[in-house]
Amino acid sequence: MTVLPTETGLSVQMRDGSQAEHKDAEGSSFMSCLLDGRVNETGYTEYLAMLRPIYAALESVGAGLADDPIAGAVIDPAINRLAAIDADLAFWSGGAGVPQVHSAAVDRYVARIEASAADPALFVAHHYTRYLGDLSGGQAIGRILARTFDLPEGQGIAFYQFEAVPKPKPYKDAYRASLDSLPLTARDQQRVVEEVKVVFGLNGALFAELSTQLPRFAR
C-alpha cells in the first residue's frame, strides 16, 4: 500500500483519525454513569485500581525512552500520574487496602504499552491518548467528582491535578507542536494514528468491563 504524504500536522491526524473510537470509549455506560454522579465510591476506587498498572507501565516504558529522539519529545516526568493515583487510592480505600481487580482488559492494555518500548513512535500514541486526555476532559471529571462526593478541598482527585501545569492550554499547545515536529515519515505517522485508535479501543474494553459491574456500583 502506498502512503501519500500529507500537509496535515500529526496532532490533527491523531485527533481527527480517532474521533469515532474516542467517542465510543467516552460514551460507555460506566463513564456516563460516573459523569452523572451514579457511580459509588467502590466503583470509582476500582476504576482507579484498574488505571494503576496502566500508568505504571506507561511511566516505566517512558523512563526507558526518555532519551529517544522520538518518544523523548513528549515524555515529561512532571505530568506523571502514578504517585497521584496512589494518593487517591489511599484516600478512597480509607485504609482498607487497594482493591485487587483482575482484568483481562487491563492485562491487554499493559501488554500493548510494554510492546511499544520497542517502537517509540507507537509509544507516542499511548502517551498522547492518556496524558493529553487527562489534561483535557480529565479536568472536568475531577470537578464532577468533587461535587458528587462533596470531597474535602483537593482530596481524592490528585489524579486530575497537575501542579506542574498551572495552565493546561499552553502546555497542550506545546505538546501538539512537539507532535507536529516529530521526524516521522508519512507511513510512520499513519502507524501512530492507527495506534491511537487501538488505544481508544483498549480503553473502551476497560470501560466495558466496568460497565458490567454497574449494579454493584450504583449510587
C-alpha atoms as a PDB file:
ATOM      1  CA  MET A   1       0.000   0.000   0.000  1.00  0.00           C
ATOM      2  CA  THR A   2       1.315   3.439  -0.931  1.00  0.00           C
ATOM      3  CA  VAL A   3       1.181   6.048   1.817  1.00  0.00           C
ATOM      4  CA  LEU A   4       0.771   9.515   0.391  1.00  0.00           C
ATOM      5  CA  PRO A   5       2.470  12.494   2.006  1.00  0.00           C
ATOM      6  CA  THR A   6       0.231  14.842   3.979  1.00  0.00           C
ATOM      7  CA  GLU A   7       0.409  18.520   4.851  1.00  0.00           C
ATOM      8  CA  THR A   8      -1.752  17.991   7.929  1.00  0.00           C
ATOM      9  CA  GLY A   9       0.153  18.004  11.208  1.00  0.00           C
ATOM     10  CA  LEU A  10       0.421  14.759  13.137  1.00  0.00           C
ATOM     11  CA  SER A  11      -1.544  16.142  16.088  1.00  0.00           C
ATOM     12  CA  VAL A  12      -4.556  16.871  13.864  1.00  0.00           C
ATOM     13  CA  GLN A  13      -4.258  13.481  12.200  1.00  0.00           C
ATOM     14  CA  MET A  14      -4.241  11.809  15.609  1.00  0.00           C
ATOM     15  CA  ARG A  15      -7.285  13.740  16.782  1.00  0.00           C
ATOM     16  CA  ASP A  16      -9.349  13.525  13.610  1.00  0.00           C
ATOM     17  CA  GLY A  17      -8.350   9.991  12.724  1.00  0.00           C
ATOM     18  CA  SER A  18      -9.548   8.578  16.047  1.00  0.00           C
ATOM     19  CA  GLN A  19     -12.772  10.513  16.588  1.00  0.00           C
ATOM     20  CA  ALA A  20     -15.056   7.502  16.207  1.00  0.00           C
ATOM     21  CA  GLU A  21     -13.007   5.360  18.610  1.00  0.00           C
ATOM     22  CA  HIS A  22     -12.728   8.256  21.062  1.00  0.00           C
ATOM     23  CA  LYS A  23     -16.490   8.805  21.013  1.00  0.00           C
ATOM     24  CA  ASP A  24     -17.161   5.109  21.566  1.00  0.00           C
ATOM     25  CA  ALA A  25     -14.870   4.978  24.613  1.00  0.00           C
ATOM     26  CA  GLU A  26     -16.266   8.163  26.162  1.00  0.00           C
ATOM     27  CA  GLY A  27     -19.837   7.002  25.560  1.00  0.00           C
ATOM     28  CA  SER A  28     -19.518   3.869  27.680  1.00  0.00           C
ATOM     29  CA  SER A  29     -22.223   3.150  30.244  1.00  0.00           C
ATOM     30  CA  PHE A  30     -19.691   3.313  33.074  1.00  0.00           C
ATOM     31  CA  MET A  31     -18.354   6.722  32.084  1.00  0.00           C
ATOM     32  CA  SER A  32     -21.855   8.094  31.507  1.00  0.00           C
ATOM     33  CA  CYS A  33     -22.912   6.951  34.976  1.00  0.00           C
ATOM     34  CA  LEU A  34     -19.722   8.321  36.547  1.00  0.00           C
ATOM     35  CA  LEU A  35     -20.286  11.741  34.997  1.00  0.00           C
ATOM     36  CA  ASP A  36     -23.931  11.678  36.081  1.00  0.00           C
ATOM     37  CA  GLY A  37     -22.949  11.012  39.693  1.00  0.00           C
ATOM     38  CA  ARG A  38     -24.379   7.482  39.659  1.00  0.00           C
ATOM     39  CA  VAL A  39     -21.189   5.548  40.487  1.00  0.00           C
ATOM     40  CA  ASN A  40     -20.403   4.966  44.143  1.00  0.00           C
ATOM     41  CA  GLU A  41     -17.092   5.093  45.972  1.00  0.00           C
ATOM     42  CA  THR A  42     -16.429   1.397  45.342  1.00  0.00           C
ATOM     43  CA  GLY A  43     -16.863   1.830  41.600  1.00  0.00           C
ATOM     44  CA  TYR A  44     -14.544   4.796  41.410  1.00  0.00           C
ATOM     45  CA  THR A  45     -11.928   3.106  43.605  1.00  0.00           C
ATOM     46  CA  GLU A  46     -11.932   0.021  41.382  1.00  0.00           C
ATOM     47  CA  TYR A  47     -11.618   2.237  38.303  1.00  0.00           C
ATOM     48  CA  LEU A  48      -8.521   3.838  39.812  1.00  0.00           C
ATOM     49  CA  ALA A  49      -7.153   0.412  40.725  1.00  0.00           C
ATOM     50  CA  MET A  50      -7.500  -0.610  37.066  1.00  0.00           C
ATOM     51  CA  LEU A  51      -5.739   2.535  35.889  1.00  0.00           C
ATOM     52  CA  ARG A  52      -2.770   2.000  38.190  1.00  0.00           C
ATOM     53  CA  PRO A  53      -0.987  -0.788  36.253  1.00  0.00           C
ATOM     54  CA  ILE A  54      -1.626   1.114  33.025  1.00  0.00           C
ATOM     55  CA  TYR A  55       0.173   4.203  34.293  1.00  0.00           C
ATOM     56  CA  ALA A  56       2.870   2.093  35.928  1.00  0.00           C
ATOM     57  CA  ALA A  57       3.589   0.609  32.504  1.00  0.00           C
ATOM     58  CA  LEU A  58       3.436   3.996  30.764  1.00  0.00           C
ATOM     59  CA  GLU A  59       5.859   5.571  33.191  1.00  0.00           C
ATOM     60  CA  SER A  60       8.223   2.610  33.271  1.00  0.00           C
ATOM     61  CA  VAL A  61       8.433   2.462  29.472  1.00  0.00           C
ATOM     62  CA  GLY A  62       8.597   6.248  29.322  1.00  0.00           C
ATOM     63  CA  ALA A  63      11.601   6.317  31.653  1.00  0.00           C
ATOM     64  CA  GLY A  64      13.376   3.906  29.346  1.00  0.00           C
ATOM     65  CA  LEU A  65      12.588   6.021  26.278  1.00  0.00           C
ATOM     66  CA  ALA A  66      13.310   9.420  27.827  1.00  0.00           C
ATOM     67  CA  ASP A  67      16.388   9.939  25.635  1.00  0.00           C
ATOM     68  CA  ASP A  68      14.813   8.606  22.477  1.00  0.00           C
ATOM     69  CA  PRO A  69      14.666  11.260  19.717  1.00  0.00           C
ATOM     70  CA  ILE A  70      11.002  10.450  19.002  1.00  0.00           C
ATOM     71  CA  ALA A  71       9.336   9.470  22.274  1.00  0.00           C
ATOM     72  CA  GLY A  72      11.556  11.773  24.316  1.00  0.00           C
ATOM     73  CA  ALA A  73       9.994  14.786  22.626  1.00  0.00           C
ATOM     74  CA  VAL A  74       6.757  14.291  24.560  1.00  0.00           C
ATOM     75  CA  ILE A  75       7.821  12.412  27.698  1.00  0.00           C
ATOM     76  CA  ASP A  76       7.699  14.726  30.714  1.00  0.00           C
ATOM     77  CA  PRO A  77       8.069  13.303  34.247  1.00  0.00           C
ATOM     78  CA  ALA A  78       6.355  16.444  35.567  1.00  0.00           C
ATOM     79  CA  ILE A  79       2.997  15.098  34.366  1.00  0.00           C
ATOM     80  CA  ASN A  80       3.420  11.523  35.590  1.00  0.00           C
ATOM     81  CA  ARG A  81       0.287  10.263  37.330  1.00  0.00           C
ATOM     82  CA  LEU A  82       1.314   7.155  39.254  1.00  0.00           C
ATOM     83  CA  ALA A  83       2.034   8.914  42.555  1.00  0.00           C
ATOM     84  CA  ALA A  84      -1.246  10.818  42.252  1.00  0.00           C
ATOM     85  CA  ILE A  85      -3.168   7.586  41.648  1.00  0.00           C
ATOM     86  CA  ASP A  86      -1.563   6.051  44.743  1.00  0.00           C
ATOM     87  CA  ALA A  87      -2.548   9.086  46.819  1.00  0.00           C
ATOM     88  CA  ASP A  88      -6.115   8.852  45.571  1.00  0.00           C
ATOM     89  CA  LEU A  89      -6.313   5.113  46.179  1.00  0.00           C
ATOM     90  CA  ALA A  90      -5.178   5.672  49.759  1.00  0.00           C
ATOM     91  CA  PHE A  91      -7.936   8.269  50.155  1.00  0.00           C
ATOM     92  CA  TRP A  92     -10.736   6.231  48.582  1.00  0.00           C
ATOM     93  CA  SER A  93      -9.823   2.917  50.184  1.00  0.00           C
ATOM     94  CA  GLY A  94      -9.850   4.528  53.615  1.00  0.00           C
ATOM     95  CA  GLY A  95      -7.059   2.340  54.892  1.00  0.00           C
ATOM     96  CA  ALA A  96      -8.832  -0.833  53.764  1.00  0.00           C
ATOM     97  CA  GLY A  97      -6.154  -1.517  51.171  1.00  0.00           C
ATOM     98  CA  VAL A  98      -6.207  -1.162  47.418  1.00  0.00           C
ATOM     99  CA  PRO A  99      -8.773  -3.492  45.822  1.00  0.00           C
ATOM    100  CA  GLN A 100      -7.314  -6.275  43.732  1.00  0.00           C
ATOM    101  CA  VAL A 101      -9.120  -6.035  40.419  1.00  0.00           C
ATOM    102  CA  HIS A 102      -8.361  -8.823  37.944  1.00  0.00           C
ATOM    103  CA  SER A 103      -8.985  -7.500  34.459  1.00  0.00           C
ATOM    104  CA  ALA A 104      -8.288  -9.071  31.089  1.00  0.00           C
ATOM    105  CA  ALA A 105      -8.762  -5.634  29.517  1.00  0.00           C
ATOM    106  CA  VAL A 106      -6.080  -4.116  31.726  1.00  0.00           C
ATOM    107  CA  ASP A 107      -3.723  -7.015  31.011  1.00  0.00           C
ATOM    108  CA  ARG A 108      -4.108  -6.482  27.253  1.00  0.00           C
ATOM    109  CA  TYR A 109      -3.626  -2.735  27.639  1.00  0.00           C
ATOM    110  CA  VAL A 110      -0.469  -3.114  29.717  1.00  0.00           C
ATOM    111  CA  ALA A 111       0.964  -5.651  27.269  1.00  0.00           C
ATOM    112  CA  ARG A 112       0.393  -3.238  24.382  1.00  0.00           C
ATOM    113  CA  ILE A 113       2.172  -0.426  26.232  1.00  0.00           C
ATOM    114  CA  GLU A 114       5.103  -2.673  27.090  1.00  0.00           C
ATOM    115  CA  ALA A 115       5.368  -3.771  23.456  1.00  0.00           C
ATOM    116  CA  SER A 116       5.682  -0.130  22.392  1.00  0.00           C
ATOM    117  CA  ALA A 117       9.024   0.066  24.206  1.00  0.00           C
ATOM    118  CA  ALA A 118      10.482  -1.426  21.031  1.00  0.00           C
ATOM    119  CA  ASP A 119       8.701   1.091  18.787  1.00  0.00           C
ATOM    120  CA  PRO A 120       8.940   4.637  20.195  1.00  0.00           C
ATOM    121  CA  ALA A 121       6.581   6.119  17.600  1.00  0.00           C
ATOM    122  CA  LEU A 122       3.831   3.844  18.866  1.00  0.00           C
ATOM    123  CA  PHE A 123       4.615   4.769  22.467  1.00  0.00           C
ATOM    124  CA  VAL A 124       3.860   8.363  21.485  1.00  0.00           C
ATOM    125  CA  ALA A 125       0.317   7.251  20.629  1.00  0.00           C
ATOM    126  CA  HIS A 126      -0.108   5.780  24.113  1.00  0.00           C
ATOM    127  CA  HIS A 127       1.378   8.812  25.843  1.00  0.00           C
ATOM    128  CA  TYR A 128      -0.761  11.245  23.859  1.00  0.00           C
ATOM    129  CA  THR A 129      -4.025   9.404  24.391  1.00  0.00           C
ATOM    130  CA  ARG A 130      -3.724   9.172  28.157  1.00  0.00           C
ATOM    131  CA  TYR A 131      -1.898  12.313  29.255  1.00  0.00           C
ATOM    132  CA  LEU A 132      -3.452  14.793  26.870  1.00  0.00           C
ATOM    133  CA  GLY A 133      -6.803  13.294  27.782  1.00  0.00           C
ATOM    134  CA  ASP A 134      -6.043  13.789  31.473  1.00  0.00           C
ATOM    135  CA  LEU A 135      -5.176  17.423  30.794  1.00  0.00           C
ATOM    136  CA  SER A 136      -8.395  17.892  28.810  1.00  0.00           C
ATOM    137  CA  GLY A 137     -11.592  16.052  29.730  1.00  0.00           C
ATOM    138  CA  GLY A 138      -9.988  14.731  32.879  1.00  0.00           C
ATOM    139  CA  GLN A 139     -10.192  18.191  34.406  1.00  0.00           C
ATOM    140  CA  ALA A 140     -13.985  18.167  34.122  1.00  0.00           C
ATOM    141  CA  ILE A 141     -14.153  14.689  35.668  1.00  0.00           C
ATOM    142  CA  GLY A 142     -12.209  15.919  38.682  1.00  0.00           C
ATOM    143  CA  ARG A 143     -14.662  18.774  39.231  1.00  0.00           C
ATOM    144  CA  ILE A 144     -17.652  16.443  38.878  1.00  0.00           C
ATOM    145  CA  LEU A 145     -16.209  14.011  41.424  1.00  0.00           C
ATOM    146  CA  ALA A 146     -15.546  16.821  43.885  1.00  0.00           C
ATOM    147  CA  ARG A 147     -19.202  17.894  43.664  1.00  0.00           C
ATOM    148  CA  THR A 148     -20.686  14.400  43.602  1.00  0.00           C
ATOM    149  CA  PHE A 149     -18.882  13.190  46.699  1.00  0.00           C
ATOM    150  CA  ASP A 150     -18.551  16.584  48.415  1.00  0.00           C
ATOM    151  CA  LEU A 151     -14.821  15.998  48.715  1.00  0.00           C
ATOM    152  CA  PRO A 152     -12.582  17.947  51.076  1.00  0.00           C
ATOM    153  CA  GLU A 153     -10.585  20.554  49.187  1.00  0.00           C
ATOM    154  CA  GLY A 154      -8.146  18.835  46.830  1.00  0.00           C
ATOM    155  CA  GLN A 155      -8.550  15.373  48.354  1.00  0.00           C
ATOM    156  CA  GLY A 156      -9.339  12.257  46.381  1.00  0.00           C
ATOM    157  CA  ILE A 157      -8.780  13.852  42.982  1.00  0.00           C
ATOM    158  CA  ALA A 158      -5.000  14.238  42.808  1.00  0.00           C
ATOM    159  CA  PHE A 159      -5.120  12.276  39.555  1.00  0.00           C
ATOM    160  CA  TYR A 160      -6.705  15.287  37.854  1.00  0.00           C
ATOM    161  CA  GLN A 161      -4.484  17.907  39.458  1.00  0.00           C
ATOM    162  CA  PHE A 162      -1.323  18.886  37.590  1.00  0.00           C
ATOM    163  CA  GLU A 163       0.612  21.174  39.901  1.00  0.00           C
ATOM    164  CA  ALA A 164       3.399  21.468  37.319  1.00  0.00           C
ATOM    165  CA  VAL A 165       0.890  22.620  34.679  1.00  0.00           C
ATOM    166  CA  PRO A 166      -0.977  25.638  36.072  1.00  0.00           C
ATOM    167  CA  LYS A 167      -2.352  26.482  32.621  1.00  0.00           C
ATOM    168  CA  PRO A 168      -3.230  23.356  30.639  1.00  0.00           C
ATOM    169  CA  LYS A 169      -3.926  25.074  27.308  1.00  0.00           C
ATOM    170  CA  PRO A 170      -0.398  26.423  26.667  1.00  0.00           C
ATOM    171  CA  TYR A 171       1.015  23.068  27.738  1.00  0.00           C
ATOM    172  CA  LYS A 172      -1.274  21.173  25.387  1.00  0.00           C
ATOM    173  CA  ASP A 173      -0.482  23.572  22.548  1.00  0.00           C
ATOM    174  CA  ALA A 174       3.248  22.987  23.070  1.00  0.00           C
ATOM    175  CA  TYR A 175       2.661  19.220  23.268  1.00  0.00           C
ATOM    176  CA  ARG A 176       0.828  19.242  19.933  1.00  0.00           C
ATOM    177  CA  ALA A 177       3.587  21.356  18.409  1.00  0.00           C
ATOM    178  CA  SER A 178       6.080  18.718  19.546  1.00  0.00           C
ATOM    179  CA  LEU A 179       3.995  16.034  17.859  1.00  0.00           C
ATOM    180  CA  ASP A 180       3.933  18.028  14.639  1.00  0.00           C
ATOM    181  CA  SER A 181       7.717  18.381  14.753  1.00  0.00           C
ATOM    182  CA  LEU A 182       8.495  14.692  15.154  1.00  0.00           C
ATOM    183  CA  PRO A 183      10.779  13.388  12.384  1.00  0.00           C
ATOM    184  CA  LEU A 184       8.349  10.738  11.161  1.00  0.00           C
ATOM    185  CA  THR A 185       7.648   9.558   7.642  1.00  0.00           C
ATOM    186  CA  ALA A 186       4.090   9.624   6.323  1.00  0.00           C
ATOM    187  CA  ARG A 187       3.943   5.866   6.867  1.00  0.00           C
ATOM    188  CA  ASP A 188       5.061   6.203  10.480  1.00  0.00           C
ATOM    189  CA  GLN A 189       2.547   8.981  11.060  1.00  0.00           C
ATOM    190  CA  GLN A 190      -0.148   6.657   9.790  1.00  0.00           C
ATOM    191  CA  ARG A 191       1.068   3.938  12.153  1.00  0.00           C
ATOM    192  CA  VAL A 192       0.804   6.372  15.069  1.00  0.00           C
ATOM    193  CA  VAL A 193      -2.765   7.286  14.123  1.00  0.00           C
ATOM    194  CA  GLU A 194      -3.692   3.618  13.888  1.00  0.00           C
ATOM    195  CA  GLU A 195      -2.187   3.005  17.331  1.00  0.00           C
ATOM    196  CA  VAL A 196      -4.243   5.842  18.795  1.00  0.00           C
ATOM    197  CA  LYS A 197      -7.332   4.043  17.507  1.00  0.00           C
ATOM    198  CA  VAL A 198      -6.109   0.847  19.164  1.00  0.00           C
ATOM    199  CA  VAL A 199      -5.550   2.678  22.455  1.00  0.00           C
ATOM    200  CA  PHE A 200      -9.085   4.057  22.487  1.00  0.00           C
ATOM    201  CA  GLY A 201     -10.298   0.537  21.815  1.00  0.00           C
ATOM    202  CA  LEU A 202      -8.306  -0.722  24.793  1.00  0.00           C
ATOM    203  CA  ASN A 203      -9.858   1.980  26.949  1.00  0.00           C
ATOM    204  CA  GLY A 204     -13.262   1.006  25.630  1.00  0.00           C
ATOM    205  CA  ALA A 205     -12.680  -2.595  26.667  1.00  0.00           C
ATOM    206  CA  LEU A 206     -11.739  -1.432  30.162  1.00  0.00           C
ATOM    207  CA  PHE A 207     -14.941   0.610  30.407  1.00  0.00           C
ATOM    208  CA  ALA A 208     -16.952  -2.333  29.103  1.00  0.00           C
ATOM    209  CA  GLU A 209     -15.681  -4.457  31.967  1.00  0.00           C
ATOM    210  CA  LEU A 210     -16.551  -1.747  34.468  1.00  0.00           C
ATOM    211  CA  SER A 211     -19.992  -1.352  32.913  1.00  0.00           C
ATOM    212  CA  THR A 212     -20.830  -4.974  33.724  1.00  0.00           C
ATOM    213  CA  GLN A 213     -20.400  -4.051  37.396  1.00  0.00           C
ATOM    214  CA  LEU A 214     -22.746  -1.041  37.377  1.00  0.00           C
ATOM    215  CA  PRO A 215     -25.413  -2.749  39.527  1.00  0.00           C
ATOM    216  CA  ARG A 216     -22.754  -3.191  42.206  1.00  0.00           C
ATOM    217  CA  PHE A 217     -21.501   0.357  41.728  1.00  0.00           C
ATOM    218  CA  ALA A 218     -24.917   2.039  41.792  1.00  0.00           C
ATOM    219  CA  ARG A 219     -25.075   5.180  43.887  1.00  0.00           C
END
